[in-house]
N, C-alpha and C. Protein backbone atom coordinates (compact mmCIF):
# COMPACT_ATOMS: atom_id res chain seq x y z
N UNK A 1 1.99 107.55 -12.82
CA UNK A 1 0.63 107.09 -13.00
C UNK A 1 0.54 105.66 -12.50
N UNK A 2 -0.45 105.35 -11.71
CA UNK A 2 -0.61 104.01 -11.16
C UNK A 2 -1.21 103.07 -12.21
N UNK A 3 -1.12 101.78 -11.95
CA UNK A 3 -1.70 100.79 -12.85
C UNK A 3 -3.21 101.00 -12.96
N UNK A 4 -3.85 101.34 -11.81
CA UNK A 4 -5.29 101.58 -11.81
C UNK A 4 -5.65 102.73 -12.74
N UNK A 5 -4.87 103.81 -12.70
CA UNK A 5 -5.15 104.97 -13.56
C UNK A 5 -4.94 104.62 -15.03
N UNK A 6 -3.93 103.79 -15.33
CA UNK A 6 -3.66 103.43 -16.71
C UNK A 6 -4.78 102.57 -17.30
N UNK A 7 -5.44 101.78 -16.46
CA UNK A 7 -6.47 100.89 -16.97
C UNK A 7 -7.84 101.56 -17.10
N UNK A 8 -7.96 102.78 -16.64
CA UNK A 8 -9.23 103.50 -16.74
C UNK A 8 -9.44 103.99 -18.17
N UNK A 9 -10.58 103.67 -18.76
CA UNK A 9 -10.84 104.17 -20.11
C UNK A 9 -11.08 105.68 -20.09
N UNK A 10 -10.82 106.28 -21.22
CA UNK A 10 -11.11 107.71 -21.35
C UNK A 10 -12.60 107.94 -21.17
N UNK A 11 -12.96 109.09 -20.68
CA UNK A 11 -14.36 109.44 -20.50
C UNK A 11 -15.00 109.72 -21.86
N UNK A 12 -16.23 109.27 -21.99
CA UNK A 12 -16.97 109.52 -23.23
C UNK A 12 -17.50 110.95 -23.22
N UNK A 13 -17.35 111.61 -24.32
CA UNK A 13 -17.84 112.98 -24.50
C UNK A 13 -19.37 112.94 -24.45
N UNK A 14 -19.96 113.61 -23.45
CA UNK A 14 -21.42 113.57 -23.27
C UNK A 14 -22.16 114.14 -24.48
N UNK A 15 -21.59 115.15 -25.11
CA UNK A 15 -22.26 115.75 -26.27
C UNK A 15 -22.31 114.77 -27.44
N UNK A 16 -21.20 114.07 -27.67
CA UNK A 16 -21.14 113.12 -28.78
C UNK A 16 -21.75 111.77 -28.43
N UNK A 17 -21.95 111.51 -27.15
CA UNK A 17 -22.50 110.21 -26.75
C UNK A 17 -24.03 110.23 -26.81
N UNK A 18 -24.51 110.72 -27.88
CA UNK A 18 -25.94 110.76 -28.21
C UNK A 18 -25.98 110.27 -29.65
N UNK A 19 -26.74 109.23 -29.94
CA UNK A 19 -26.65 108.58 -31.25
C UNK A 19 -26.74 109.50 -32.47
N UNK A 20 -27.64 110.44 -32.48
CA UNK A 20 -27.76 111.32 -33.66
C UNK A 20 -26.52 112.19 -33.80
N UNK A 21 -26.03 112.74 -32.70
CA UNK A 21 -24.84 113.60 -32.78
C UNK A 21 -23.60 112.79 -33.14
N UNK A 22 -23.53 111.53 -32.69
CA UNK A 22 -22.42 110.67 -33.10
C UNK A 22 -22.46 110.46 -34.60
N UNK A 23 -23.64 110.21 -35.13
CA UNK A 23 -23.79 109.98 -36.57
C UNK A 23 -23.47 111.24 -37.37
N UNK A 24 -23.87 112.40 -36.89
CA UNK A 24 -23.56 113.67 -37.58
C UNK A 24 -22.06 113.86 -37.63
N UNK A 25 -21.39 113.69 -36.48
CA UNK A 25 -19.94 113.88 -36.43
C UNK A 25 -19.23 112.88 -37.34
N UNK A 26 -19.67 111.62 -37.32
CA UNK A 26 -19.06 110.60 -38.17
C UNK A 26 -19.24 110.94 -39.65
N UNK A 27 -20.44 111.40 -39.99
CA UNK A 27 -20.72 111.76 -41.39
C UNK A 27 -19.81 112.90 -41.83
N UNK A 28 -19.70 113.93 -41.00
CA UNK A 28 -18.87 115.08 -41.36
C UNK A 28 -17.38 114.75 -41.30
N UNK A 29 -16.99 113.80 -40.47
CA UNK A 29 -15.58 113.42 -40.38
C UNK A 29 -15.08 112.83 -41.70
N UNK A 30 -15.99 112.24 -42.46
CA UNK A 30 -15.61 111.65 -43.74
C UNK A 30 -15.67 112.62 -44.91
N UNK A 31 -15.98 113.87 -44.64
CA UNK A 31 -16.13 114.88 -45.70
C UNK A 31 -15.49 116.19 -45.25
N UNK A 32 -15.26 117.04 -46.20
CA UNK A 32 -14.83 118.39 -45.85
C UNK A 32 -16.01 119.18 -45.31
N UNK A 33 -17.17 119.00 -45.96
CA UNK A 33 -18.37 119.71 -45.56
C UNK A 33 -19.58 119.04 -46.19
N UNK A 34 -20.76 119.39 -45.67
CA UNK A 34 -22.01 118.85 -46.22
C UNK A 34 -23.13 119.83 -45.93
N UNK A 35 -24.11 119.85 -46.81
CA UNK A 35 -25.25 120.74 -46.62
C UNK A 35 -26.22 120.14 -45.60
N UNK A 36 -27.06 121.00 -45.05
CA UNK A 36 -28.08 120.56 -44.11
C UNK A 36 -28.94 119.48 -44.76
N UNK A 37 -29.34 119.72 -46.00
CA UNK A 37 -30.20 118.78 -46.72
C UNK A 37 -29.50 117.44 -46.94
N UNK A 38 -28.24 117.49 -47.29
CA UNK A 38 -27.47 116.25 -47.52
C UNK A 38 -27.39 115.43 -46.22
N UNK A 39 -27.08 116.10 -45.12
CA UNK A 39 -26.98 115.40 -43.83
C UNK A 39 -28.34 114.82 -43.45
N UNK A 40 -29.38 115.62 -43.61
CA UNK A 40 -30.75 115.18 -43.27
C UNK A 40 -31.12 113.92 -44.04
N UNK A 41 -30.88 113.92 -45.34
CA UNK A 41 -31.23 112.76 -46.17
C UNK A 41 -30.36 111.55 -45.85
N UNK A 42 -29.06 111.77 -45.69
CA UNK A 42 -28.14 110.65 -45.44
C UNK A 42 -28.43 109.96 -44.12
N UNK A 43 -28.84 110.73 -43.12
CA UNK A 43 -29.07 110.17 -41.79
C UNK A 43 -30.55 109.89 -41.50
N UNK A 44 -31.41 110.24 -42.44
CA UNK A 44 -32.84 109.97 -42.28
C UNK A 44 -33.48 110.73 -41.13
N UNK A 45 -33.15 112.01 -41.03
CA UNK A 45 -33.65 112.85 -39.94
C UNK A 45 -34.67 113.86 -40.43
N UNK A 46 -35.48 114.36 -39.51
CA UNK A 46 -36.40 115.44 -39.85
C UNK A 46 -35.66 116.76 -39.73
N UNK A 47 -36.21 117.81 -40.32
CA UNK A 47 -35.61 119.14 -40.20
C UNK A 47 -35.44 119.54 -38.74
N UNK A 48 -36.51 119.39 -37.97
CA UNK A 48 -36.48 119.82 -36.57
C UNK A 48 -35.48 119.04 -35.73
N UNK A 49 -35.42 117.74 -35.93
CA UNK A 49 -34.49 116.91 -35.18
C UNK A 49 -33.05 117.29 -35.50
N UNK A 50 -32.74 117.40 -36.79
CA UNK A 50 -31.38 117.76 -37.19
C UNK A 50 -31.02 119.16 -36.69
N UNK A 51 -31.93 120.09 -36.82
CA UNK A 51 -31.67 121.47 -36.38
C UNK A 51 -31.34 121.52 -34.89
N UNK A 52 -32.08 120.79 -34.08
CA UNK A 52 -31.84 120.78 -32.63
C UNK A 52 -30.45 120.25 -32.30
N UNK A 53 -30.04 119.20 -32.97
CA UNK A 53 -28.71 118.63 -32.71
C UNK A 53 -27.61 119.53 -33.26
N UNK A 54 -27.85 120.13 -34.42
CA UNK A 54 -26.84 121.02 -34.99
C UNK A 54 -26.60 122.23 -34.08
N UNK A 55 -27.65 122.75 -33.49
CA UNK A 55 -27.49 123.90 -32.57
C UNK A 55 -26.56 123.55 -31.42
N UNK A 56 -26.69 122.34 -30.88
CA UNK A 56 -25.83 121.92 -29.77
C UNK A 56 -24.39 121.76 -30.24
N UNK A 57 -24.20 121.20 -31.41
CA UNK A 57 -22.84 121.00 -31.93
C UNK A 57 -22.18 122.33 -32.30
N UNK A 58 -22.96 123.26 -32.82
CA UNK A 58 -22.43 124.60 -33.13
C UNK A 58 -22.08 125.34 -31.84
N UNK A 59 -22.95 125.27 -30.83
CA UNK A 59 -22.70 125.94 -29.55
C UNK A 59 -21.42 125.43 -28.90
N UNK A 60 -21.13 124.14 -29.08
CA UNK A 60 -19.91 123.55 -28.51
C UNK A 60 -18.70 123.81 -29.40
N UNK A 61 -18.92 124.45 -30.53
CA UNK A 61 -17.87 124.74 -31.52
C UNK A 61 -17.27 123.48 -32.10
N UNK A 62 -18.10 122.43 -32.21
CA UNK A 62 -17.68 121.18 -32.84
C UNK A 62 -17.90 121.25 -34.35
N UNK A 63 -18.90 122.00 -34.76
CA UNK A 63 -19.12 122.21 -36.19
C UNK A 63 -19.28 123.69 -36.46
N UNK A 64 -18.98 124.06 -37.70
CA UNK A 64 -19.06 125.46 -38.12
C UNK A 64 -20.00 125.55 -39.32
N UNK A 65 -21.06 126.34 -39.20
CA UNK A 65 -21.94 126.51 -40.35
C UNK A 65 -21.53 127.73 -41.17
N UNK A 66 -21.83 127.70 -42.45
CA UNK A 66 -21.74 128.90 -43.27
C UNK A 66 -22.80 128.81 -44.36
N UNK A 67 -23.25 129.96 -44.80
CA UNK A 67 -24.33 130.04 -45.79
C UNK A 67 -23.75 130.17 -47.19
N UNK A 68 -24.36 129.47 -48.12
CA UNK A 68 -24.07 129.65 -49.54
C UNK A 68 -25.24 130.43 -50.11
N UNK A 69 -24.98 131.64 -50.55
CA UNK A 69 -26.05 132.50 -51.06
C UNK A 69 -26.05 132.61 -52.57
N UNK A 70 -25.27 131.77 -53.25
CA UNK A 70 -25.17 131.88 -54.70
C UNK A 70 -26.25 131.11 -55.45
N UNK A 71 -27.17 130.53 -54.72
CA UNK A 71 -28.26 129.80 -55.37
C UNK A 71 -29.57 130.53 -55.07
N UNK A 72 -30.64 130.18 -55.79
CA UNK A 72 -31.93 130.84 -55.53
C UNK A 72 -32.36 130.73 -54.07
N UNK A 73 -32.06 129.60 -53.44
CA UNK A 73 -32.34 129.41 -52.01
C UNK A 73 -31.01 129.22 -51.30
N UNK A 74 -30.74 130.02 -50.30
CA UNK A 74 -29.47 129.87 -49.61
C UNK A 74 -29.43 128.53 -48.87
N UNK A 75 -28.27 127.94 -48.85
CA UNK A 75 -28.07 126.66 -48.18
C UNK A 75 -27.10 126.86 -47.03
N UNK A 76 -27.29 126.10 -45.96
CA UNK A 76 -26.34 126.09 -44.88
C UNK A 76 -25.44 124.88 -45.05
N UNK A 77 -24.15 125.14 -45.03
CA UNK A 77 -23.13 124.11 -45.17
C UNK A 77 -22.44 123.96 -43.82
N UNK A 78 -22.19 122.73 -43.41
CA UNK A 78 -21.55 122.45 -42.13
C UNK A 78 -20.25 121.71 -42.32
N UNK A 79 -19.29 121.98 -41.43
CA UNK A 79 -18.02 121.27 -41.43
C UNK A 79 -17.58 121.10 -39.98
N UNK A 80 -16.88 120.00 -39.71
CA UNK A 80 -16.30 119.82 -38.39
C UNK A 80 -15.18 120.83 -38.21
N UNK A 81 -15.09 121.41 -37.04
CA UNK A 81 -13.97 122.28 -36.70
C UNK A 81 -12.82 121.41 -36.23
N UNK A 82 -11.66 122.00 -36.03
CA UNK A 82 -10.53 121.24 -35.45
C UNK A 82 -10.91 120.72 -34.07
N UNK A 83 -11.63 121.55 -33.31
CA UNK A 83 -12.12 121.12 -31.98
C UNK A 83 -13.04 119.92 -32.12
N UNK A 84 -13.94 119.97 -33.09
CA UNK A 84 -14.87 118.87 -33.32
C UNK A 84 -14.17 117.60 -33.78
N UNK A 85 -13.19 117.75 -34.67
CA UNK A 85 -12.43 116.58 -35.13
C UNK A 85 -11.67 115.93 -33.97
N UNK A 86 -11.05 116.76 -33.15
CA UNK A 86 -10.30 116.24 -32.00
C UNK A 86 -11.24 115.54 -31.02
N UNK A 87 -12.40 116.14 -30.76
CA UNK A 87 -13.37 115.55 -29.84
C UNK A 87 -13.88 114.22 -30.39
N UNK A 88 -14.16 114.17 -31.68
CA UNK A 88 -14.65 112.93 -32.29
C UNK A 88 -13.58 111.85 -32.23
N UNK A 89 -12.33 112.22 -32.51
CA UNK A 89 -11.22 111.28 -32.44
C UNK A 89 -11.09 110.70 -31.03
N UNK A 90 -11.15 111.59 -30.00
CA UNK A 90 -11.08 111.12 -28.60
C UNK A 90 -12.27 110.22 -28.26
N UNK A 91 -13.44 110.57 -28.77
CA UNK A 91 -14.63 109.77 -28.52
C UNK A 91 -14.47 108.36 -29.08
N UNK A 92 -14.00 108.26 -30.32
CA UNK A 92 -13.79 106.96 -30.95
C UNK A 92 -12.73 106.17 -30.18
N UNK A 93 -11.67 106.83 -29.77
CA UNK A 93 -10.63 106.15 -28.99
C UNK A 93 -11.19 105.63 -27.67
N UNK A 94 -12.03 106.40 -27.02
CA UNK A 94 -12.64 105.96 -25.76
C UNK A 94 -13.53 104.74 -25.99
N UNK A 95 -14.29 104.74 -27.09
CA UNK A 95 -15.12 103.58 -27.42
C UNK A 95 -14.25 102.35 -27.69
N UNK A 96 -13.14 102.55 -28.39
CA UNK A 96 -12.23 101.44 -28.66
C UNK A 96 -11.66 100.87 -27.36
N UNK A 97 -11.36 101.74 -26.40
CA UNK A 97 -10.87 101.28 -25.10
C UNK A 97 -11.93 100.45 -24.39
N UNK A 98 -13.17 100.89 -24.45
CA UNK A 98 -14.27 100.15 -23.81
C UNK A 98 -14.46 98.78 -24.47
N UNK A 99 -14.34 98.74 -25.79
CA UNK A 99 -14.47 97.47 -26.49
C UNK A 99 -13.33 96.53 -26.09
N UNK A 100 -12.13 97.07 -25.99
CA UNK A 100 -10.98 96.26 -25.57
C UNK A 100 -11.19 95.72 -24.16
N UNK A 101 -11.73 96.53 -23.27
CA UNK A 101 -11.98 96.09 -21.89
C UNK A 101 -13.06 95.01 -21.84
N UNK A 102 -13.97 95.04 -22.79
CA UNK A 102 -15.09 94.09 -22.78
C UNK A 102 -14.65 92.69 -23.18
N UNK A 103 -13.53 92.60 -23.86
CA UNK A 103 -13.07 91.30 -24.35
C UNK A 103 -13.67 90.91 -25.68
N UNK A 104 -14.54 91.77 -26.24
CA UNK A 104 -15.12 91.50 -27.55
C UNK A 104 -14.06 91.69 -28.62
N UNK A 105 -14.13 90.94 -29.69
CA UNK A 105 -13.16 91.16 -30.78
C UNK A 105 -13.35 92.55 -31.36
N UNK A 106 -12.27 93.21 -31.65
CA UNK A 106 -12.34 94.57 -32.18
C UNK A 106 -11.95 94.64 -33.54
């Protein structure tokens, strides 16, 4: 590997490089799982906005939904998959590389 290749930062994941999806992944990374309602309230999102982003994350297999039907109203619970955790970890590492290249204190 050449010096030029070593100094190149990792590519940012286009799916996660969207502020709402970054926040969803970060929120779920700190938990085993969270309900749709919990995520919506914690991140201050509307139902429609959160639903649109969740569909993209589910399609990429970054998060896995499952329904809890033991309550009067079924709830959807979400968790990061191993693929999602790995992608989020790589994304954070890529951001850290960019910060290091910028010369800003990290």
